[in-house]
Amino acid sequence: GGVLAYQALTSPASKPATPVAAAPVAPVAAAPVAKP
């Protein structure tokens, strides 16, 4: 349920990708399926 985010800079040669803090995401319940 967590999220991992990385920010890549516009110039990939300048710096490696940097981890960015992200808030945890709650699981999403499936929408009910209408019975035929």
Full PDB file with SEQRES, HELIX, SHEET, SSBOND, CRYST1, ORIGX, SCALE, CONECT and MASTER records, all heavy atoms in Angstrom:
SEQRES   1 A   36  GLY GLY VAL LEU ALA TYR GLN ALA LEU THR SER PRO ALA          
SEQRES   2 A   36  SER LYS PRO ALA THR PRO VAL ALA ALA ALA PRO VAL ALA          
SEQRES   3 A   36  PRO VAL ALA ALA ALA PRO VAL ALA LYS PRO                      
SHEET    1 AA1 2 ALA A   5  GLN A   7  0                                        
SHEET    2 AA1 2 THR A  18  VAL A  20 -1                                        
CRYST1    1.000    1.000    1.000  90.00  90.00  90.00 P 1           1          
ORIGX1      1.000000  0.000000  0.000000        0.00000                         
ORIGX2      0.000000  1.000000  0.000000        0.00000                         
ORIGX3      0.000000  0.000000  1.000000        0.00000                         
SCALE1      1.000000  0.000000  0.000000        0.00000                         
SCALE2      0.000000  1.000000  0.000000        0.00000                         
SCALE3      0.000000  0.000000  1.000000        0.00000                         
ATOM      1  N   GLY A   1       0.798  -1.204   0.000  1.00  0.00           N  
ATOM      2  CA  GLY A   1       0.000   0.000   0.000  1.00  0.00           C  
ATOM      3  C   GLY A   1       0.840   1.267   0.000  1.00  0.00           C  
ATOM      4  O   GLY A   1       0.330   2.356  -0.136  1.00  0.00           O  
ATOM      5  N   GLY A   2       2.167   1.155   0.139  1.00  0.00           N  
ATOM      6  CA  GLY A   2       3.031   2.327   0.130  1.00  0.00           C  
ATOM      7  C   GLY A   2       3.360   2.755  -1.290  1.00  0.00           C  
ATOM      8  O   GLY A   2       3.066   2.070  -2.252  1.00  0.00           O  
ATOM      9  N   VAL A   3       3.980   3.905  -1.399  1.00  0.00           N  
ATOM     10  CA  VAL A   3       4.364   4.427  -2.703  1.00  0.00           C  
ATOM     11  C   VAL A   3       5.821   4.832  -2.637  1.00  0.00           C  
ATOM     12  O   VAL A   3       6.274   5.399  -1.659  1.00  0.00           O  
ATOM     13  CB  VAL A   3       3.489   5.654  -3.074  1.00  0.00           C  
ATOM     14  CG1 VAL A   3       3.983   6.302  -4.351  1.00  0.00           C  
ATOM     15  CG2 VAL A   3       2.044   5.244  -3.210  1.00  0.00           C  
ATOM     16  N   LEU A   4       6.552   4.537  -3.696  1.00  0.00           N  
ATOM     17  CA  LEU A   4       7.947   4.934  -3.799  1.00  0.00           C  
ATOM     18  C   LEU A   4       8.034   5.842  -5.017  1.00  0.00           C  
ATOM     19  O   LEU A   4       7.584   5.474  -6.100  1.00  0.00           O  
ATOM     20  CB  LEU A   4       8.829   3.700  -3.981  1.00  0.00           C  
ATOM     21  CG  LEU A   4      10.314   3.935  -4.123  1.00  0.00           C  
ATOM     22  CD1 LEU A   4      10.863   4.597  -2.854  1.00  0.00           C  
ATOM     23  CD2 LEU A   4      11.023   2.631  -4.370  1.00  0.00           C  
ATOM     24  N   ALA A   5       8.556   7.045  -4.852  1.00  0.00           N  
ATOM     25  CA  ALA A   5       8.631   7.980  -5.967  1.00  0.00           C  
ATOM     26  C   ALA A   5      10.078   8.394  -6.190  1.00  0.00           C  
ATOM     27  O   ALA A   5      10.833   8.588  -5.241  1.00  0.00           O  
ATOM     28  CB  ALA A   5       7.775   9.205  -5.677  1.00  0.00           C  
ATOM     29  N   TYR A   6      10.489   8.519  -7.454  1.00  0.00           N  
ATOM     30  CA  TYR A   6      11.813   8.992  -7.810  1.00  0.00           C  
ATOM     31  C   TYR A   6      11.660  10.151  -8.773  1.00  0.00           C  
ATOM     32  O   TYR A   6      10.807  10.133  -9.650  1.00  0.00           O  
ATOM     33  CB  TYR A   6      12.635   7.885  -8.493  1.00  0.00           C  
ATOM     34  CG  TYR A   6      13.282   6.951  -7.516  1.00  0.00           C  
ATOM     35  CD1 TYR A   6      12.643   5.784  -7.134  1.00  0.00           C  
ATOM     36  CD2 TYR A   6      14.512   7.251  -6.951  1.00  0.00           C  
ATOM     37  CE1 TYR A   6      13.225   4.927  -6.229  1.00  0.00           C  
ATOM     38  CE2 TYR A   6      15.100   6.400  -6.048  1.00  0.00           C  
ATOM     39  CZ  TYR A   6      14.454   5.239  -5.688  1.00  0.00           C  
ATOM     40  OH  TYR A   6      15.038   4.398  -4.794  1.00  0.00           O  
ATOM     41  N   GLN A   7      12.507  11.171  -8.572  1.00  0.00           N  
ATOM     42  CA  GLN A   7      12.482  12.315  -9.466  1.00  0.00           C  
ATOM     43  C   GLN A   7      13.761  12.280 -10.286  1.00  0.00           C  
ATOM     44  O   GLN A   7      14.859  12.311  -9.747  1.00  0.00           O  
ATOM     45  CB  GLN A   7      12.410  13.619  -8.668  1.00  0.00           C  
ATOM     46  CG  GLN A   7      12.435  14.844  -9.541  1.00  0.00           C  
ATOM     47  CD  GLN A   7      12.302  16.117  -8.721  1.00  0.00           C  
ATOM     48  OE1 GLN A   7      12.139  16.064  -7.518  1.00  0.00           O  
ATOM     49  NE2 GLN A   7      12.371  17.247  -9.388  1.00  0.00           N  
ATOM     50  N   ALA A   8      13.599  12.202 -11.589  1.00  0.00           N  
ATOM     51  CA  ALA A   8      14.756  12.222 -12.478  1.00  0.00           C  
ATOM     52  C   ALA A   8      14.947  13.669 -12.933  1.00  0.00           C  
ATOM     53  O   ALA A   8      13.981  14.344 -13.276  1.00  0.00           O  
ATOM     54  CB  ALA A   8      14.520  11.315 -13.671  1.00  0.00           C  
ATOM     55  N   LEU A   9      16.175  14.136 -12.930  1.00  0.00           N  
ATOM     56  CA  LEU A   9      16.437  15.509 -13.334  1.00  0.00           C  
ATOM     57  C   LEU A   9      16.362  15.632 -14.851  1.00  0.00           C  
ATOM     58  O   LEU A   9      16.452  14.653 -15.579  1.00  0.00           O  
ATOM     59  CB  LEU A   9      17.813  15.940 -12.831  1.00  0.00           C  
ATOM     60  CG  LEU A   9      17.989  15.824 -11.304  1.00  0.00           C  
ATOM     61  CD1 LEU A   9      19.406  16.136 -10.914  1.00  0.00           C  
ATOM     62  CD2 LEU A   9      17.028  16.783 -10.609  1.00  0.00           C  
ATOM     63  N   THR A  10      16.197  16.856 -15.346  1.00  0.00           N  
ATOM     64  CA  THR A  10      16.086  17.071 -16.788  1.00  0.00           C  
ATOM     65  C   THR A  10      17.366  16.683 -17.518  1.00  0.00           C  
ATOM     66  O   THR A  10      17.332  16.347 -18.670  1.00  0.00           O  
ATOM     67  CB  THR A  10      15.722  18.531 -17.098  1.00  0.00           C  
ATOM     68  OG1 THR A  10      16.678  19.366 -16.481  1.00  0.00           O  
ATOM     69  CG2 THR A  10      14.331  18.849 -16.644  1.00  0.00           C  
ATOM     70  N   SER A  11      18.476  16.722 -16.842  1.00  0.00           N  
ATOM     71  CA  SER A  11      19.740  16.324 -17.450  1.00  0.00           C  
ATOM     72  C   SER A  11      20.229  15.072 -16.738  1.00  0.00           C  
ATOM     73  O   SER A  11      20.822  15.156 -15.664  1.00  0.00           O  
ATOM     74  CB  SER A  11      20.760  17.459 -17.307  1.00  0.00           C  
ATOM     75  OG  SER A  11      22.003  17.031 -17.792  1.00  0.00           O  
ATOM     76  N   PRO A  12      19.998  13.870 -17.292  1.00  0.00           N  
ATOM     77  CA  PRO A  12      20.331  12.636 -16.602  1.00  0.00           C  
ATOM     78  C   PRO A  12      21.804  12.520 -16.235  1.00  0.00           C  
ATOM     79  O   PRO A  12      22.157  11.863 -15.285  1.00  0.00           O  
ATOM     80  CB  PRO A  12      19.935  11.541 -17.584  1.00  0.00           C  
ATOM     81  CG  PRO A  12      19.163  12.191 -18.665  1.00  0.00           C  
ATOM     82  CD  PRO A  12      19.415  13.650 -18.579  1.00  0.00           C  
ATOM     83  N   ALA A  13      22.695  13.173 -16.967  1.00  0.00           N  
ATOM     84  CA  ALA A  13      24.126  13.059 -16.690  1.00  0.00           C  
ATOM     85  C   ALA A  13      24.547  13.895 -15.485  1.00  0.00           C  
ATOM     86  O   ALA A  13      25.591  13.660 -14.906  1.00  0.00           O  
ATOM     87  CB  ALA A  13      24.920  13.489 -17.919  1.00  0.00           C  
ATOM     88  N   SER A  14      23.723  14.866 -15.065  1.00  0.00           N  
ATOM     89  CA  SER A  14      24.138  15.766 -13.991  1.00  0.00           C  
ATOM     90  C   SER A  14      24.129  15.110 -12.622  1.00  0.00           C  
ATOM     91  O   SER A  14      25.032  15.297 -11.841  1.00  0.00           O  
ATOM     92  CB  SER A  14      23.273  17.024 -13.985  1.00  0.00           C  
ATOM     93  OG  SER A  14      21.935  16.670 -13.721  1.00  0.00           O  
ATOM     94  N   LYS A  15      23.057  14.322 -12.284  1.00  0.00           N  
ATOM     95  CA  LYS A  15      22.957  13.679 -10.972  1.00  0.00           C  
ATOM     96  C   LYS A  15      22.156  12.395 -11.113  1.00  0.00           C  
ATOM     97  O   LYS A  15      21.307  12.286 -11.985  1.00  0.00           O  
ATOM     98  CB  LYS A  15      22.226  14.580  -9.973  1.00  0.00           C  
ATOM     99  CG  LYS A  15      22.984  15.770  -9.502  1.00  0.00           C  
ATOM    100  CD  LYS A  15      22.186  16.463  -8.416  1.00  0.00           C  
ATOM    101  CE  LYS A  15      22.855  17.735  -7.964  1.00  0.00           C  
ATOM    102  NZ  LYS A  15      22.048  18.454  -6.999  1.00  0.00           N  
ATOM    103  N   PRO A  16      22.383  11.448 -10.194  1.00  0.00           N  
ATOM    104  CA  PRO A  16      21.531  10.253 -10.217  1.00  0.00           C  
ATOM    105  C   PRO A  16      20.125  10.601  -9.720  1.00  0.00           C  
ATOM    106  O   PRO A  16      19.912  11.646  -9.128  1.00  0.00           O  
ATOM    107  CB  PRO A  16      22.241   9.295  -9.254  1.00  0.00           C  
ATOM    108  CG  PRO A  16      23.087  10.161  -8.399  1.00  0.00           C  
ATOM    109  CD  PRO A  16      23.439  11.381  -9.216  1.00  0.00           C  
ATOM    110  N   ALA A  17      19.184   9.719  -9.960  1.00  0.00           N  
ATOM    111  CA  ALA A  17      17.801   9.924  -9.521  1.00  0.00           C  
ATOM    112  C   ALA A  17      17.747  10.093  -8.013  1.00  0.00           C  
ATOM    113  O   ALA A  17      18.487   9.465  -7.273  1.00  0.00           O  
ATOM    114  CB  ALA A  17      16.944   8.744  -9.947  1.00  0.00           C  
ATOM    115  N   THR A  18      16.859  10.963  -7.546  1.00  0.00           N  
ATOM    116  CA  THR A  18      16.733  11.285  -6.139  1.00  0.00           C  
ATOM    117  C   THR A  18      15.406  10.770  -5.596  1.00  0.00           C  
ATOM    118  O   THR A  18      14.360  11.045  -6.176  1.00  0.00           O  
ATOM    119  CB  THR A  18      16.759  12.818  -5.952  1.00  0.00           C  
ATOM    120  OG1 THR A  18      17.869  13.346  -6.653  1.00  0.00           O  
ATOM    121  CG2 THR A  18      16.796  13.200  -4.496  1.00  0.00           C  
ATOM    122  N   PRO A  19      15.439  10.018  -4.457  1.00  0.00           N  
ATOM    123  CA  PRO A  19      14.165   9.598  -3.869  1.00  0.00           C  
ATOM    124  C   PRO A  19      13.385  10.814  -3.380  1.00  0.00           C  
ATOM    125  O   PRO A  19      13.946  11.746  -2.845  1.00  0.00           O  
ATOM    126  CB  PRO A  19      14.570   8.717  -2.701  1.00  0.00           C  
ATOM    127  CG  PRO A  19      16.015   8.416  -2.886  1.00  0.00           C  
ATOM    128  CD  PRO A  19      16.577   9.486  -3.755  1.00  0.00           C  
ATOM    129  N   VAL A  20      12.080  10.797  -3.570  1.00  0.00           N  
ATOM    130  CA  VAL A  20      11.204  11.881  -3.134  1.00  0.00           C  
ATOM    131  C   VAL A  20      10.223  11.298  -2.133  1.00  0.00           C  
ATOM    132  O   VAL A  20       9.686  10.219  -2.350  1.00  0.00           O  
ATOM    133  CB  VAL A  20      10.436  12.469  -4.343  1.00  0.00           C  
ATOM    134  CG1 VAL A  20       9.445  13.524  -3.904  1.00  0.00           C  
ATOM    135  CG2 VAL A  20      11.404  13.011  -5.366  1.00  0.00           C  
ATOM    136  N   ALA A  21       9.992  11.998  -1.032  1.00  0.00           N  
ATOM    137  CA  ALA A  21       9.056  11.507  -0.025  1.00  0.00           C  
ATOM    138  C   ALA A  21       7.646  11.451  -0.600  1.00  0.00           C  
ATOM    139  O   ALA A  21       7.224  12.348  -1.319  1.00  0.00           O  
ATOM    140  CB  ALA A  21       9.074  12.421   1.193  1.00  0.00           C  
ATOM    141  N   ALA A  22       6.945  10.369  -0.287  1.00  0.00           N  
ATOM    142  CA  ALA A  22       5.567  10.223  -0.756  1.00  0.00           C  
ATOM    143  C   ALA A  22       4.720   9.683   0.385  1.00  0.00           C  
ATOM    144  O   ALA A  22       5.175   8.883   1.190  1.00  0.00           O  
ATOM    145  CB  ALA A  22       5.513   9.279  -1.940  1.00  0.00           C  
ATOM    146  N   ALA A  23       3.482  10.129   0.446  1.00  0.00           N  
ATOM    147  CA  ALA A  23       2.567   9.677   1.495  1.00  0.00           C  
ATOM    148  C   ALA A  23       2.063   8.277   1.171  1.00  0.00           C  
ATOM    149  O   ALA A  23       1.915   7.918   0.009  1.00  0.00           O  
ATOM    150  CB  ALA A  23       1.393  10.635   1.586  1.00  0.00           C  
ATOM    151  N   PRO A  24       1.800   7.454   2.206  1.00  0.00           N  
ATOM    152  CA  PRO A  24       1.236   6.136   1.951  1.00  0.00           C  
ATOM    153  C   PRO A  24      -0.149   6.258   1.319  1.00  0.00           C  
ATOM    154  O   PRO A  24      -0.875   7.211   1.572  1.00  0.00           O  
ATOM    155  CB  PRO A  24       1.146   5.483   3.329  1.00  0.00           C  
ATOM    156  CG  PRO A  24       1.544   6.516   4.313  1.00  0.00           C  
ATOM    157  CD  PRO A  24       2.017   7.732   3.595  1.00  0.00           C  
ATOM    158  N   VAL A  25      -0.466   5.302   0.505  1.00  0.00           N  
ATOM    159  CA  VAL A  25      -1.746   5.313  -0.192  1.00  0.00           C  
ATOM    160  C   VAL A  25      -2.609   4.177   0.344  1.00  0.00           C  
ATOM    161  O   VAL A  25      -2.157   3.047   0.449  1.00  0.00           O  
ATOM    162  CB  VAL A  25      -1.536   5.129  -1.711  1.00  0.00           C  
ATOM    163  CG1 VAL A  25      -2.859   5.031  -2.441  1.00  0.00           C  
ATOM    164  CG2 VAL A  25      -0.692   6.262  -2.259  1.00  0.00           C  
ATOM    165  N   ALA A  26      -3.841   4.504   0.696  1.00  0.00           N  
ATOM    166  CA  ALA A  26      -4.769   3.476   1.189  1.00  0.00           C  
ATOM    167  C   ALA A  26      -5.229   2.613   0.019  1.00  0.00           C  
ATOM    168  O   ALA A  26      -5.403   3.111  -1.086  1.00  0.00           O  
ATOM    169  CB  ALA A  26      -5.977   4.137   1.852  1.00  0.00           C  
ATOM    170  N   PRO A  27      -5.412   1.311   0.258  1.00  0.00           N  
ATOM    171  CA  PRO A  27      -5.906   0.451  -0.813  1.00  0.00           C  
ATOM    172  C   PRO A  27      -7.286   0.921  -1.278  1.00  0.00           C  
ATOM    173  O   PRO A  27      -8.092   1.404  -0.493  1.00  0.00           O  
ATOM    174  CB  PRO A  27      -6.014  -0.933  -0.171  1.00  0.00           C  
ATOM    175  CG  PRO A  27      -5.277  -0.845   1.111  1.00  0.00           C  
ATOM    176  CD  PRO A  27      -5.168   0.593   1.480  1.00  0.00           C  
ATOM    177  N   VAL A  28      -7.544   0.781  -2.555  1.00  0.00           N  
ATOM    178  CA  VAL A  28      -8.815   1.210  -3.131  1.00  0.00           C  
ATOM    179  C   VAL A  28      -9.715  -0.009  -3.258  1.00  0.00           C  
ATOM    180  O   VAL A  28      -9.312  -1.036  -3.785  1.00  0.00           O  
ATOM    181  CB  VAL A  28      -8.596   1.842  -4.522  1.00  0.00           C  
ATOM    182  CG1 VAL A  28      -9.908   2.219  -5.160  1.00  0.00           C  
ATOM    183  CG2 VAL A  28      -7.676   3.044  -4.405  1.00  0.00           C  
ATOM    184  N   ALA A  29     -10.934   0.113  -2.730  1.00  0.00           N  
ATOM    185  CA  ALA A  29     -11.890  -0.991  -2.822  1.00  0.00           C  
ATOM    186  C   ALA A  29     -12.422  -1.078  -4.248  1.00  0.00           C  
ATOM    187  O   ALA A  29     -12.612  -0.063  -4.908  1.00  0.00           O  
ATOM    188  CB  ALA A  29     -13.043  -0.761  -1.849  1.00  0.00           C  
ATOM    189  N   ALA A  30     -12.651  -2.296  -4.689  1.00  0.00           N  
ATOM    190  CA  ALA A  30     -13.201  -2.502  -6.027  1.00  0.00           C  
ATOM    191  C   ALA A  30     -14.646  -2.022  -6.067  1.00  0.00           C  
ATOM    192  O   ALA A  30     -15.393  -2.158  -5.104  1.00  0.00           O  
ATOM    193  CB  ALA A  30     -13.140  -3.979  -6.395  1.00  0.00           C  
ATOM    194  N   ALA A  31     -15.025  -1.451  -7.181  1.00  0.00           N  
ATOM    195  CA  ALA A  31     -16.401  -0.978  -7.352  1.00  0.00           C  
ATOM    196  C   ALA A  31     -17.325  -2.185  -7.443  1.00  0.00           C  
ATOM    197  O   ALA A  31     -16.963  -3.203  -8.011  1.00  0.00           O  
ATOM    198  CB  ALA A  31     -16.518  -0.148  -8.618  1.00  0.00           C  
ATOM    199  N   PRO A  32     -18.518  -2.104  -6.868  1.00  0.00           N  
ATOM    200  CA  PRO A  32     -19.441  -3.235  -6.953  1.00  0.00           C  
ATOM    201  C   PRO A  32     -19.839  -3.489  -8.404  1.00  0.00           C  
ATOM    202  O   PRO A  32     -19.987  -2.564  -9.185  1.00  0.00           O  
ATOM    203  CB  PRO A  32     -20.645  -2.794  -6.122  1.00  0.00           C  
ATOM    204  CG  PRO A  32     -20.509  -1.325  -5.958  1.00  0.00           C  
ATOM    205  CD  PRO A  32     -19.064  -0.974  -6.149  1.00  0.00           C  
ATOM    206  N   VAL A  33     -19.979  -4.753  -8.732  1.00  0.00           N  
ATOM    207  CA  VAL A  33     -20.359  -5.141 -10.083  1.00  0.00           C  
ATOM    208  C   VAL A  33     -21.866  -5.357 -10.108  1.00  0.00           C  
ATOM    209  O   VAL A  33     -22.410  -6.074  -9.278  1.00  0.00           O  
ATOM    210  CB  VAL A  33     -19.636  -6.435 -10.498  1.00  0.00           C  
ATOM    211  CG1 VAL A  33     -20.085  -6.900 -11.873  1.00  0.00           C  
ATOM    212  CG2 VAL A  33     -18.132  -6.242 -10.451  1.00  0.00           C  
ATOM    213  N   ALA A  34     -22.521  -4.721 -11.044  1.00  0.00           N  
ATOM    214  CA  ALA A  34     -23.975  -4.864 -11.155  1.00  0.00           C  
ATOM    215  C   ALA A  34     -24.317  -6.276 -11.615  1.00  0.00           C  
ATOM    216  O   ALA A  34     -23.682  -6.810 -12.515  1.00  0.00           O  
ATOM    217  CB  ALA A  34     -24.524  -3.846 -12.135  1.00  0.00           C  
ATOM    218  N   LYS A  35     -25.299  -6.881 -10.964  1.00  0.00           N  
ATOM    219  CA  LYS A  35     -25.746  -8.203 -11.359  1.00  0.00           C  
ATOM    220  C   LYS A  35     -26.618  -8.086 -12.596  1.00  0.00           C  
ATOM    221  O   LYS A  35     -27.459  -7.201 -12.680  1.00  0.00           O  
ATOM    222  CB  LYS A  35     -26.569  -8.861 -10.234  1.00  0.00           C  
ATOM    223  CG  LYS A  35     -25.770  -9.317  -9.055  1.00  0.00           C  
ATOM    224  CD  LYS A  35     -26.677  -9.881  -8.004  1.00  0.00           C  
ATOM    225  CE  LYS A  35     -26.686 -11.379  -8.086  1.00  0.00           C  
ATOM    226  NZ  LYS A  35     -27.492 -11.989  -7.021  1.00  0.00           N  
ATOM    227  N   PRO A  36     -26.397  -8.975 -13.558  1.00  0.00           N  
ATOM    228  CA  PRO A  36     -27.283  -8.931 -14.716  1.00  0.00           C  
ATOM    229  C   PRO A  36     -28.702  -9.322 -14.307  1.00  0.00           C  
ATOM    230  O   PRO A  36     -28.898 -10.026 -13.319  1.00  0.00           O  
ATOM    231  CB  PRO A  36     -26.682  -9.975 -15.670  1.00  0.00           C  
ATOM    232  CG  PRO A  36     -25.813 -10.837 -14.824  1.00  0.00           C  
ATOM    233  CD  PRO A  36     -25.415 -10.021 -13.627  1.00  0.00           C  
TER     234      PRO A  36                                                      
MASTER        0    0    0    0    2    0    0    6  233    1    0    3          
END                                                                             
